[in-house]
């Protein structure tokens, strides 16, 4: 079976309830790296992105909360500009798998 292509995603969320927010953050930490308070970067293949969304839908109240996945292709990776400091570490690609 061929390995699926990994794509960088920016994942951001707005969750109104603390318990749901903590659960979502725990989920997102399994998939990527926190770069801002409500923003993560993650390298995901298609099945990982599907799994993340499936679990997130179970956590979130879709009438109050939101989650966005923005794919960023390799052709724009070099155009990403970061300025200022962050309390969160920003890491380059680290290949890992969630089983």
C-alpha atoms as a PDB file:
ATOM      1  CA  UNK A   1       0.000   0.000   0.000  1.00  0.00           C
ATOM      2  CA  UNK A   2       1.397   3.412  -0.983  1.00  0.00           C
ATOM      3  CA  UNK A   3       1.993   5.956   1.749  1.00  0.00           C
ATOM      4  CA  UNK A   4      -0.373   8.910   1.618  1.00  0.00           C
ATOM      5  CA  UNK A   5       1.087  12.363   0.993  1.00  0.00           C
ATOM      6  CA  UNK A   6       1.472  14.568   4.071  1.00  0.00           C
ATOM      7  CA  UNK A   7       0.177  18.119   3.777  1.00  0.00           C
ATOM      8  CA  UNK A   8       0.804  20.950   6.214  1.00  0.00           C
ATOM      9  CA  UNK A   9      -2.407  22.321   7.738  1.00  0.00           C
ATOM     10  CA  UNK A  10      -3.078  25.323   9.895  1.00  0.00           C
ATOM     11  CA  UNK A  11      -5.793  24.302  12.367  1.00  0.00           C
ATOM     12  CA  UNK A  12      -7.603  27.008  14.306  1.00  0.00           C
ATOM     13  CA  UNK A  13     -10.601  26.881  16.550  1.00  0.00           C
ATOM     14  CA  UNK A  14     -13.038  28.886  18.629  1.00  0.00           C
ATOM     15  CA  UNK A  15     -14.643  26.856  21.410  1.00  0.00           C
ATOM     16  CA  UNK A  16     -16.970  28.485  23.935  1.00  0.00           C
ATOM     17  CA  UNK A  17     -16.846  25.812  26.657  1.00  0.00           C
ATOM     18  CA  UNK A  18     -13.699  25.144  28.720  1.00  0.00           C
ATOM     19  CA  UNK A  19     -14.229  21.369  28.951  1.00  0.00           C
ATOM     20  CA  UNK A  20     -14.741  21.014  25.182  1.00  0.00           C
ATOM     21  CA  UNK A  21     -11.785  23.323  24.522  1.00  0.00           C
ATOM     22  CA  UNK A  22      -9.491  21.211  26.738  1.00  0.00           C
ATOM     23  CA  UNK A  23     -10.665  18.037  24.985  1.00  0.00           C
ATOM     24  CA  UNK A  24     -10.059  19.585  21.569  1.00  0.00           C
ATOM     25  CA  UNK A  25      -6.591  20.820  22.543  1.00  0.00           C
ATOM     26  CA  UNK A  26      -5.710  17.325  23.785  1.00  0.00           C
ATOM     27  CA  UNK A  27      -6.859  15.910  20.434  1.00  0.00           C
ATOM     28  CA  UNK A  28      -4.954  18.488  18.390  1.00  0.00           C
ATOM     29  CA  UNK A  29      -1.743  17.883  20.358  1.00  0.00           C
ATOM     30  CA  UNK A  30      -1.885  14.299  19.074  1.00  0.00           C
ATOM     31  CA  UNK A  31      -1.881  15.559  15.501  1.00  0.00           C
ATOM     32  CA  UNK A  32       0.338  18.643  15.486  1.00  0.00           C
ATOM     33  CA  UNK A  33       2.094  21.471  17.288  1.00  0.00           C
ATOM     34  CA  UNK A  34       0.494  24.440  18.995  1.00  0.00           C
ATOM     35  CA  UNK A  35       1.776  27.752  17.554  1.00  0.00           C
ATOM     36  CA  UNK A  36      -0.715  30.191  19.111  1.00  0.00           C
ATOM     37  CA  UNK A  37      -3.366  29.920  21.812  1.00  0.00           C
ATOM     38  CA  UNK A  38      -6.021  28.583  19.420  1.00  0.00           C
ATOM     39  CA  UNK A  39      -3.847  27.684  16.414  1.00  0.00           C
ATOM     40  CA  UNK A  40      -1.981  24.475  15.564  1.00  0.00           C
ATOM     41  CA  UNK A  41       0.189  23.403  12.644  1.00  0.00           C
ATOM     42  CA  UNK A  42      -0.042  19.776  11.619  1.00  0.00           C
ATOM     43  CA  UNK A  43       1.261  17.531   8.866  1.00  0.00           C
ATOM     44  CA  UNK A  44      -1.617  15.237   7.955  1.00  0.00           C
ATOM     45  CA  UNK A  45      -2.406  12.773   5.237  1.00  0.00           C
ATOM     46  CA  UNK A  46      -5.983  12.366   4.023  1.00  0.00           C
ATOM     47  CA  UNK A  47      -6.893   9.625   6.500  1.00  0.00           C
ATOM     48  CA  UNK A  48      -5.387  11.550   9.437  1.00  0.00           C
ATOM     49  CA  UNK A  49      -7.348  14.701   8.499  1.00  0.00           C
ATOM     50  CA  UNK A  50     -10.525  12.634   8.220  1.00  0.00           C
ATOM     51  CA  UNK A  51      -9.895  11.069  11.633  1.00  0.00           C
ATOM     52  CA  UNK A  52      -9.170  14.437  13.230  1.00  0.00           C
ATOM     53  CA  UNK A  53     -12.427  15.910  11.883  1.00  0.00           C
ATOM     54  CA  UNK A  54     -14.439  12.839  12.891  1.00  0.00           C
ATOM     55  CA  UNK A  55     -13.246  13.034  16.504  1.00  0.00           C
ATOM     56  CA  UNK A  56     -13.517  16.852  16.630  1.00  0.00           C
ATOM     57  CA  UNK A  57     -17.170  16.659  15.560  1.00  0.00           C
ATOM     58  CA  UNK A  58     -17.828  14.440  18.578  1.00  0.00           C
ATOM     59  CA  UNK A  59     -16.144  16.935  20.919  1.00  0.00           C
ATOM     60  CA  UNK A  60     -17.528  20.216  19.594  1.00  0.00           C
ATOM     61  CA  UNK A  61     -20.987  21.721  19.840  1.00  0.00           C
ATOM     62  CA  UNK A  62     -21.330  22.692  16.183  1.00  0.00           C
ATOM     63  CA  UNK A  63     -23.993  25.279  16.993  1.00  0.00           C
ATOM     64  CA  UNK A  64     -21.516  27.215  19.189  1.00  0.00           C
ATOM     65  CA  UNK A  65     -17.969  26.131  18.295  1.00  0.00           C
ATOM     66  CA  UNK A  66     -15.870  26.176  15.142  1.00  0.00           C
ATOM     67  CA  UNK A  67     -12.753  24.494  13.796  1.00  0.00           C
ATOM     68  CA  UNK A  68     -10.959  25.347  10.552  1.00  0.00           C
ATOM     69  CA  UNK A  69      -8.373  23.286   8.646  1.00  0.00           C
ATOM     70  CA  UNK A  70      -6.393  25.311   6.118  1.00  0.00           C
ATOM     71  CA  UNK A  71      -4.142  23.249   3.832  1.00  0.00           C
ATOM     72  CA  UNK A  72      -0.808  24.857   2.982  1.00  0.00           C
ATOM     73  CA  UNK A  73       1.039  23.318   0.071  1.00  0.00           C
ATOM     74  CA  UNK A  74       4.805  22.960  -0.147  1.00  0.00           C
ATOM     75  CA  UNK A  75       4.854  25.641  -2.843  1.00  0.00           C
ATOM     76  CA  UNK A  76       3.957  28.259  -0.204  1.00  0.00           C
ATOM     77  CA  UNK A  77       5.873  26.840   2.782  1.00  0.00           C
ATOM     78  CA  UNK A  78       8.819  29.120   2.032  1.00  0.00           C
ATOM     79  CA  UNK A  79       6.462  32.132   1.920  1.00  0.00           C
ATOM     80  CA  UNK A  80       5.274  31.688   5.513  1.00  0.00           C
ATOM     81  CA  UNK A  81       6.396  34.669   7.569  1.00  0.00           C
ATOM     82  CA  UNK A  82       6.550  34.560  11.349  1.00  0.00           C
ATOM     83  CA  UNK A  83       7.475  37.599  13.410  1.00  0.00           C
ATOM     84  CA  UNK A  84       7.503  38.189  17.129  1.00  0.00           C
ATOM     85  CA  UNK A  85       7.723  35.726  19.963  1.00  0.00           C
ATOM     86  CA  UNK A  86       5.410  32.923  20.927  1.00  0.00           C
ATOM     87  CA  UNK A  87       5.015  30.972  24.120  1.00  0.00           C
ATOM     88  CA  UNK A  88       4.592  27.915  21.902  1.00  0.00           C
ATOM     89  CA  UNK A  89       7.395  26.281  19.966  1.00  0.00           C
ATOM     90  CA  UNK A  90       7.192  26.329  16.199  1.00  0.00           C
ATOM     91  CA  UNK A  91       8.715  23.181  14.788  1.00  0.00           C
ATOM     92  CA  UNK A  92       9.692  22.151  11.332  1.00  0.00           C
ATOM     93  CA  UNK A  93       8.315  18.957   9.862  1.00  0.00           C
ATOM     94  CA  UNK A  94       8.796  15.908  12.014  1.00  0.00           C
ATOM     95  CA  UNK A  95       7.505  12.710  10.491  1.00  0.00           C
ATOM     96  CA  UNK A  96       5.389  10.730  12.904  1.00  0.00           C
ATOM     97  CA  UNK A  97       2.395   8.446  12.752  1.00  0.00           C
ATOM     98  CA  UNK A  98      -0.678   8.105  14.891  1.00  0.00           C
ATOM     99  CA  UNK A  99      -1.726   4.494  15.285  1.00  0.00           C
END
